[in-house]
Amino acid sequence: MTYSIHYYSEPVQAQILSLPKTLQARYAALSRRMVSNGPNIPKLLVKAYSSYG
């Protein structure tokens, strides 16, 4: 089963696209994992990102 990611607003998507290239690459890798595995990815991978904002 594959999943999809939907952004709830254009500003959120724009903010993601304005991240530095290194963070965009990490986001892309996590997004690919979420699309293929769903929301069940290890907390270790996403916990560090909760401090960004």
Protein backbone atom coordinates (compact mmCIF):
# COMPACT_ATOMS: atom_id res chain seq x y z
CA MET A 1 0.00 0.00 0.00
CA THR A 2 1.26 3.47 -0.79
CA TYR A 3 0.26 6.65 0.95
CA SER A 4 0.22 10.26 -0.15
CA ILE A 5 1.20 13.51 1.51
CA HIS A 6 -1.15 16.48 1.29
CA TYR A 7 -0.17 19.93 2.52
CA TYR A 8 -2.91 21.71 4.42
CA SER A 9 -1.88 25.11 3.11
CA GLU A 10 0.25 26.70 0.41
CA PRO A 11 2.34 28.66 2.97
CA VAL A 12 3.40 25.39 4.62
CA GLN A 13 4.54 23.99 1.31
CA ALA A 14 6.34 27.25 0.49
CA GLN A 15 8.09 27.19 3.87
CA ILE A 16 9.32 23.66 3.23
CA LEU A 17 10.63 24.68 -0.17
CA SER A 18 12.46 27.63 1.40
CA LEU A 19 14.46 25.41 3.77
CA PRO A 20 18.20 25.08 3.17
CA LYS A 21 19.03 22.40 0.59
CA THR A 22 20.38 20.00 3.23
CA LEU A 23 17.13 20.10 5.20
CA GLN A 24 15.11 19.79 2.00
CA ALA A 25 17.04 16.61 1.19
CA ARG A 26 16.32 15.14 4.64
CA TYR A 27 12.67 16.12 4.32
CA ALA A 28 12.49 14.45 0.90
CA ALA A 29 13.99 11.25 2.29
CA LEU A 30 11.49 11.18 5.18
CA SER A 31 8.64 11.97 2.78
CA ARG A 32 9.58 9.02 0.57
CA ARG A 33 9.57 6.76 3.64
CA MET A 34 6.15 8.05 4.71
CA VAL A 35 4.72 7.52 1.22
CA SER A 36 5.97 3.94 1.08
CA ASN A 37 5.52 2.94 4.76
CA GLY A 38 2.79 5.25 5.99
CA PRO A 39 3.02 7.15 9.25
CA ASN A 40 4.77 4.26 11.01
CA ILE A 41 8.32 5.52 10.81
CA PRO A 42 10.67 5.33 13.79
CA LYS A 43 10.34 8.22 16.23
CA LEU A 44 14.10 8.57 16.21
CA LEU A 45 13.89 9.84 12.64
CA VAL A 46 11.28 12.51 13.26
CA LYS A 47 11.84 13.47 16.89
CA ALA A 48 14.77 15.76 16.05
CA TYR A 49 12.58 17.70 13.61
CA SER A 50 9.99 18.57 16.22
CA SER A 51 12.31 21.26 17.59
CA TYR A 52 12.27 23.13 14.26
CA GLY A 53 9.52 25.60 13.85
